[in-house]
N, C-alpha and C. Protein backbone atom coordinates (compact mmCIF):
# COMPACT_ATOMS: atom_id res chain seq x y z
N UNK A 1 -101.83 -96.90 154.12
CA UNK A 1 -100.84 -97.50 153.28
C UNK A 1 -100.53 -98.92 153.74
N UNK A 2 -100.80 -99.21 155.00
CA UNK A 2 -100.59 -100.57 155.48
C UNK A 2 -101.79 -101.41 155.09
N UNK A 3 -101.54 -102.63 154.71
CA UNK A 3 -102.60 -103.52 154.25
C UNK A 3 -103.59 -103.80 155.38
N UNK A 4 -104.86 -103.67 155.05
CA UNK A 4 -105.93 -103.90 156.02
C UNK A 4 -105.84 -105.32 156.57
N UNK A 5 -105.93 -105.42 157.90
CA UNK A 5 -105.90 -106.72 158.56
C UNK A 5 -104.50 -107.27 158.81
N UNK A 6 -103.46 -106.56 158.38
CA UNK A 6 -102.11 -107.08 158.58
C UNK A 6 -101.67 -106.87 160.03
N UNK A 7 -100.72 -107.69 160.45
CA UNK A 7 -100.20 -107.61 161.81
C UNK A 7 -99.52 -106.26 162.04
N UNK A 8 -98.76 -105.78 161.04
CA UNK A 8 -98.06 -104.50 161.15
C UNK A 8 -99.05 -103.35 161.35
N UNK A 9 -100.18 -103.41 160.65
CA UNK A 9 -101.20 -102.36 160.80
C UNK A 9 -101.78 -102.37 162.21
N UNK A 10 -102.04 -103.55 162.76
CA UNK A 10 -102.57 -103.64 164.12
C UNK A 10 -101.57 -103.11 165.14
N UNK A 11 -100.30 -103.46 164.96
CA UNK A 11 -99.26 -102.96 165.86
C UNK A 11 -99.18 -101.44 165.78
N UNK A 12 -99.26 -100.90 164.57
CA UNK A 12 -99.21 -99.45 164.37
C UNK A 12 -100.39 -98.78 165.07
N UNK A 13 -101.59 -99.36 164.96
CA UNK A 13 -102.78 -98.78 165.59
C UNK A 13 -102.67 -98.81 167.11
N UNK A 14 -102.18 -99.89 167.67
CA UNK A 14 -102.01 -99.99 169.12
C UNK A 14 -100.97 -98.99 169.60
N UNK A 15 -99.86 -98.88 168.86
CA UNK A 15 -98.81 -97.93 169.24
C UNK A 15 -99.33 -96.49 169.17
N UNK A 16 -100.10 -96.16 168.15
CA UNK A 16 -100.66 -94.82 168.02
C UNK A 16 -101.63 -94.52 169.16
N UNK A 17 -102.47 -95.49 169.51
CA UNK A 17 -103.42 -95.29 170.61
C UNK A 17 -102.68 -95.12 171.93
N UNK A 18 -101.61 -95.91 172.13
CA UNK A 18 -100.82 -95.79 173.36
C UNK A 18 -100.16 -94.42 173.45
N UNK A 19 -99.68 -93.92 172.34
CA UNK A 19 -99.04 -92.60 172.32
C UNK A 19 -100.05 -91.49 172.65
N UNK A 20 -101.24 -91.58 172.09
CA UNK A 20 -102.29 -90.59 172.39
C UNK A 20 -102.68 -90.67 173.87
N UNK A 21 -102.82 -91.88 174.39
CA UNK A 21 -103.17 -92.06 175.80
C UNK A 21 -102.07 -91.50 176.70
N UNK A 22 -100.82 -91.78 176.36
CA UNK A 22 -99.70 -91.25 177.14
C UNK A 22 -99.70 -89.72 177.13
N UNK A 23 -99.96 -89.12 175.98
CA UNK A 23 -100.02 -87.66 175.89
C UNK A 23 -101.12 -87.08 176.76
N UNK A 24 -102.28 -87.72 176.75
CA UNK A 24 -103.39 -87.25 177.57
C UNK A 24 -103.11 -87.36 179.06
N UNK A 25 -102.55 -88.50 179.47
CA UNK A 25 -102.22 -88.69 180.89
C UNK A 25 -101.12 -87.72 181.31
N UNK A 26 -100.13 -87.54 180.47
CA UNK A 26 -99.03 -86.63 180.78
C UNK A 26 -99.53 -85.19 180.94
N UNK A 27 -100.40 -84.75 180.04
CA UNK A 27 -100.95 -83.39 180.14
C UNK A 27 -101.81 -83.24 181.39
N UNK A 28 -102.60 -84.25 181.69
CA UNK A 28 -103.50 -84.18 182.86
C UNK A 28 -102.72 -84.14 184.17
N UNK A 29 -101.58 -84.81 184.24
CA UNK A 29 -100.84 -84.86 185.49
C UNK A 29 -99.88 -83.69 185.67
N UNK A 30 -99.55 -82.99 184.60
CA UNK A 30 -98.60 -81.88 184.73
C UNK A 30 -99.26 -80.51 184.66
N UNK A 31 -100.50 -80.44 184.23
CA UNK A 31 -101.19 -79.16 184.11
C UNK A 31 -101.59 -78.65 185.48
N UNK A 32 -101.21 -77.40 185.78
CA UNK A 32 -101.56 -76.79 187.06
C UNK A 32 -102.31 -75.49 186.78
N UNK A 33 -103.59 -75.48 187.08
CA UNK A 33 -104.39 -74.29 186.81
C UNK A 33 -103.98 -73.12 187.69
N UNK A 34 -103.57 -73.36 188.92
CA UNK A 34 -103.15 -72.26 189.79
C UNK A 34 -101.87 -71.63 189.25
N UNK A 35 -100.96 -72.45 188.75
CA UNK A 35 -99.73 -71.92 188.16
C UNK A 35 -100.05 -71.11 186.90
N UNK A 36 -100.98 -71.61 186.11
CA UNK A 36 -101.39 -70.90 184.90
C UNK A 36 -102.01 -69.55 185.25
N UNK A 37 -102.85 -69.52 186.28
CA UNK A 37 -103.46 -68.25 186.71
C UNK A 37 -102.40 -67.26 187.18
N UNK A 38 -101.42 -67.75 187.94
CA UNK A 38 -100.34 -66.90 188.43
C UNK A 38 -99.55 -66.31 187.27
N UNK A 39 -99.23 -67.13 186.29
CA UNK A 39 -98.48 -66.67 185.13
C UNK A 39 -99.27 -65.64 184.34
N UNK A 40 -100.55 -65.89 184.13
CA UNK A 40 -101.38 -64.94 183.39
C UNK A 40 -101.51 -63.62 184.14
N UNK A 41 -101.64 -63.66 185.46
CA UNK A 41 -101.72 -62.44 186.25
C UNK A 41 -100.42 -61.65 186.16
N UNK A 42 -99.29 -62.35 186.20
CA UNK A 42 -97.99 -61.68 186.07
C UNK A 42 -97.89 -60.98 184.72
N UNK A 43 -98.29 -61.65 183.65
CA UNK A 43 -98.22 -61.05 182.33
C UNK A 43 -99.16 -59.85 182.20
N UNK A 44 -100.32 -59.94 182.82
CA UNK A 44 -101.25 -58.81 182.79
C UNK A 44 -100.66 -57.61 183.53
N UNK A 45 -100.08 -57.85 184.71
CA UNK A 45 -99.44 -56.76 185.47
C UNK A 45 -98.28 -56.16 184.69
N UNK A 46 -97.49 -57.01 184.03
CA UNK A 46 -96.37 -56.54 183.23
C UNK A 46 -96.86 -55.66 182.08
N UNK A 47 -97.93 -56.09 181.41
CA UNK A 47 -98.49 -55.32 180.30
C UNK A 47 -98.98 -53.96 180.76
N UNK A 48 -99.66 -53.93 181.90
CA UNK A 48 -100.17 -52.66 182.43
C UNK A 48 -99.01 -51.72 182.76
N UNK A 49 -97.96 -52.26 183.40
CA UNK A 49 -96.79 -51.43 183.73
C UNK A 49 -96.09 -50.92 182.49
N UNK A 50 -95.98 -51.76 181.48
CA UNK A 50 -95.37 -51.34 180.22
C UNK A 50 -96.19 -50.25 179.55
N UNK A 51 -97.51 -50.38 179.57
CA UNK A 51 -98.37 -49.36 178.97
C UNK A 51 -98.21 -48.02 179.69
N UNK A 52 -98.11 -48.06 181.01
CA UNK A 52 -97.90 -46.83 181.78
C UNK A 52 -96.56 -46.21 181.42
N UNK A 53 -95.51 -47.03 181.34
CA UNK A 53 -94.17 -46.52 181.00
C UNK A 53 -94.16 -45.92 179.60
N UNK A 54 -94.81 -46.56 178.66
CA UNK A 54 -94.81 -46.05 177.28
C UNK A 54 -95.65 -44.79 177.12
N UNK A 55 -96.57 -44.57 178.05
CA UNK A 55 -97.39 -43.35 178.00
C UNK A 55 -96.64 -42.15 178.57
N UNK A 56 -95.53 -42.38 179.26
CA UNK A 56 -94.73 -41.32 179.85
C UNK A 56 -94.13 -40.45 178.74
N UNK A 57 -94.31 -39.11 178.79
CA UNK A 57 -93.79 -38.23 177.74
C UNK A 57 -92.28 -38.35 177.54
N UNK A 58 -91.53 -38.55 178.60
CA UNK A 58 -90.08 -38.69 178.47
C UNK A 58 -89.72 -39.96 177.68
N UNK A 59 -90.44 -41.02 177.93
CA UNK A 59 -90.20 -42.27 177.21
C UNK A 59 -90.60 -42.11 175.75
N UNK A 60 -91.73 -41.46 175.50
CA UNK A 60 -92.16 -41.22 174.12
C UNK A 60 -91.12 -40.43 173.35
N UNK A 61 -90.55 -39.41 174.00
CA UNK A 61 -89.54 -38.59 173.34
C UNK A 61 -88.30 -39.42 173.00
N UNK A 62 -87.89 -40.27 173.90
CA UNK A 62 -86.71 -41.12 173.65
C UNK A 62 -86.99 -42.13 172.53
N UNK A 63 -88.19 -42.67 172.50
CA UNK A 63 -88.53 -43.63 171.45
C UNK A 63 -88.55 -42.98 170.07
N UNK A 64 -88.96 -41.72 170.01
CA UNK A 64 -88.97 -41.01 168.72
C UNK A 64 -87.56 -40.80 168.18
N UNK A 65 -86.56 -40.77 169.08
CA UNK A 65 -85.17 -40.58 168.66
C UNK A 65 -84.60 -41.83 168.01
N UNK A 66 -85.18 -42.96 168.25
CA UNK A 66 -84.64 -44.23 167.74
C UNK A 66 -85.55 -44.74 166.61
N UNK A 67 -85.08 -44.70 165.37
CA UNK A 67 -85.94 -45.12 164.25
C UNK A 67 -86.19 -46.63 164.19
N UNK A 68 -85.45 -47.42 164.94
CA UNK A 68 -85.61 -48.87 164.90
C UNK A 68 -86.72 -49.38 165.80
N UNK A 69 -87.21 -48.52 166.70
CA UNK A 69 -88.26 -48.93 167.63
C UNK A 69 -89.57 -48.26 167.26
N UNK A 70 -90.65 -48.98 167.45
CA UNK A 70 -91.98 -48.43 167.22
C UNK A 70 -92.86 -48.81 168.39
N UNK A 71 -93.55 -47.85 168.93
CA UNK A 71 -94.46 -48.09 170.05
C UNK A 71 -95.86 -47.65 169.69
N UNK A 72 -96.25 -47.84 168.46
CA UNK A 72 -97.57 -47.42 168.00
C UNK A 72 -98.64 -48.33 168.57
N UNK A 73 -99.75 -47.75 168.90
CA UNK A 73 -100.91 -48.52 169.30
C UNK A 73 -100.85 -49.10 170.70
N UNK A 74 -100.17 -48.47 171.62
CA UNK A 74 -100.14 -48.99 172.99
C UNK A 74 -101.45 -48.63 173.68
N UNK A 75 -101.99 -49.61 174.40
CA UNK A 75 -103.23 -49.39 175.16
C UNK A 75 -103.05 -49.94 176.56
N UNK A 76 -103.88 -49.50 177.44
CA UNK A 76 -103.79 -50.02 178.81
C UNK A 76 -104.96 -50.86 179.15
């Protein structure tokens, strides 16, 4: 929409490129793969524990008493 060759268009292009560069540098300096691995391992352990709890017959019986909850399709 900006006229080709105009000063405003060039300023807009430089600002857009700077914003993309800033986003890339920001992501590269804040991303921690070890933290990501730790978080994913925690979630996996939590999921396994939840699957074990939901497989418990006493828990299944309690869940059947409450029509607002559904625990269909739990896997480990």
